[in-house]
Amino acid sequence: MHILIETLGWIGSVLIVGAYALNISGKVSHNSRAYLWANLVGSAFFVVNTLYHGAVPSAAS
């Protein structure tokens, strides 16, 4: 279970940062479905990871 949670956290981080990088480089629009879904899924994965580790302030912000 630990490896799954860690993997979700890393995937979430990559999705969030990757979406941001694509947005600022002009490759995706801030209102495109790809950008929105990458942020939504990435954020959900990141919240799961932070709650698992008991980092409630990080998950709540």
C-alpha atoms as a PDB file:
ATOM      1  CA  MET A   1       0.000   0.000   0.000  1.00  0.00           C
ATOM      2  CA  HIS A   2       2.855   2.359   0.825  1.00  0.00           C
ATOM      3  CA  ILE A   3       4.344   2.072  -2.673  1.00  0.00           C
ATOM      4  CA  LEU A   4       0.937   2.801  -4.235  1.00  0.00           C
ATOM      5  CA  ILE A   5       0.489   5.968  -2.170  1.00  0.00           C
ATOM      6  CA  GLU A   6       4.028   7.131  -2.937  1.00  0.00           C
ATOM      7  CA  THR A   7       3.498   6.472  -6.645  1.00  0.00           C
ATOM      8  CA  LEU A   8       0.252   8.446  -6.607  1.00  0.00           C
ATOM      9  CA  GLY A   9       2.053  11.339  -4.928  1.00  0.00           C
ATOM     10  CA  TRP A  10       4.793  11.380  -7.551  1.00  0.00           C
ATOM     11  CA  ILE A  11       2.323  11.086 -10.428  1.00  0.00           C
ATOM     12  CA  GLY A  12       0.267  13.898  -8.910  1.00  0.00           C
ATOM     13  CA  SER A  13       3.301  16.133  -8.615  1.00  0.00           C
ATOM     14  CA  VAL A  14       4.362  15.438 -12.197  1.00  0.00           C
ATOM     15  CA  LEU A  15       0.847  16.127 -13.501  1.00  0.00           C
ATOM     16  CA  ILE A  16       0.562  19.442 -11.645  1.00  0.00           C
ATOM     17  CA  VAL A  17       4.033  20.713 -12.508  1.00  0.00           C
ATOM     18  CA  GLY A  18       3.812  19.348 -16.057  1.00  0.00           C
ATOM     19  CA  ALA A  19       0.490  21.059 -16.695  1.00  0.00           C
ATOM     20  CA  TYR A  20       1.897  24.319 -15.369  1.00  0.00           C
ATOM     21  CA  ALA A  21       5.015  24.021 -17.533  1.00  0.00           C
ATOM     22  CA  LEU A  22       2.933  23.321 -20.639  1.00  0.00           C
ATOM     23  CA  ASN A  23       0.710  26.268 -19.822  1.00  0.00           C
ATOM     24  CA  ILE A  24       3.481  28.823 -19.330  1.00  0.00           C
ATOM     25  CA  SER A  25       5.244  27.582 -22.468  1.00  0.00           C
ATOM     26  CA  GLY A  26       2.053  28.209 -24.457  1.00  0.00           C
ATOM     27  CA  LYS A  27       1.491  24.568 -25.426  1.00  0.00           C
ATOM     28  CA  VAL A  28      -1.832  24.264 -23.589  1.00  0.00           C
ATOM     29  CA  SER A  29      -4.381  26.887 -22.648  1.00  0.00           C
ATOM     30  CA  HIS A  30      -5.381  27.464 -19.043  1.00  0.00           C
ATOM     31  CA  ASN A  31      -8.935  26.460 -19.911  1.00  0.00           C
ATOM     32  CA  SER A  32      -8.161  23.385 -22.043  1.00  0.00           C
ATOM     33  CA  ARG A  33      -9.512  20.035 -20.918  1.00  0.00           C
ATOM     34  CA  ALA A  34      -6.023  18.527 -20.739  1.00  0.00           C
ATOM     35  CA  TYR A  35      -4.806  21.276 -18.407  1.00  0.00           C
ATOM     36  CA  LEU A  36      -7.881  21.106 -16.180  1.00  0.00           C
ATOM     37  CA  TRP A  37      -7.876  17.296 -15.946  1.00  0.00           C
ATOM     38  CA  ALA A  38      -4.136  17.155 -15.247  1.00  0.00           C
ATOM     39  CA  ASN A  39      -4.618  19.615 -12.384  1.00  0.00           C
ATOM     40  CA  LEU A  40      -7.716  17.858 -11.052  1.00  0.00           C
ATOM     41  CA  VAL A  41      -6.246  14.351 -11.102  1.00  0.00           C
ATOM     42  CA  GLY A  42      -2.819  15.544  -9.975  1.00  0.00           C
ATOM     43  CA  SER A  43      -4.321  17.433  -7.057  1.00  0.00           C
ATOM     44  CA  ALA A  44      -6.452  14.465  -5.998  1.00  0.00           C
ATOM     45  CA  PHE A  45      -3.409  12.161  -6.063  1.00  0.00           C
ATOM     46  CA  PHE A  46      -1.359  14.711  -4.145  1.00  0.00           C
ATOM     47  CA  VAL A  47      -4.056  15.104  -1.474  1.00  0.00           C
ATOM     48  CA  VAL A  48      -4.231  11.322  -1.009  1.00  0.00           C
ATOM     49  CA  ASN A  49      -0.466  11.236  -0.534  1.00  0.00           C
ATOM     50  CA  THR A  50      -0.318  14.135   1.900  1.00  0.00           C
ATOM     51  CA  LEU A  51      -3.210  12.788   4.003  1.00  0.00           C
ATOM     52  CA  TYR A  52      -1.535   9.373   4.143  1.00  0.00           C
ATOM     53  CA  HIS A  53       1.577  11.026   5.530  1.00  0.00           C
ATOM     54  CA  GLY A  54      -0.426  13.111   7.991  1.00  0.00           C
ATOM     55  CA  ALA A  55       0.523  16.390   6.334  1.00  0.00           C
ATOM     56  CA  VAL A  56      -2.939  17.879   6.817  1.00  0.00           C
ATOM     57  CA  PRO A  57      -1.854  21.532   6.330  1.00  0.00           C
ATOM     58  CA  SER A  58      -0.414  20.656   2.915  1.00  0.00           C
ATOM     59  CA  ALA A  59      -3.549  18.756   1.921  1.00  0.00           C
ATOM     60  CA  ALA A  60      -5.860  21.553   3.071  1.00  0.00           C
ATOM     61  CA  SER A  61      -4.123  24.452   1.364  1.00  0.00           C
END
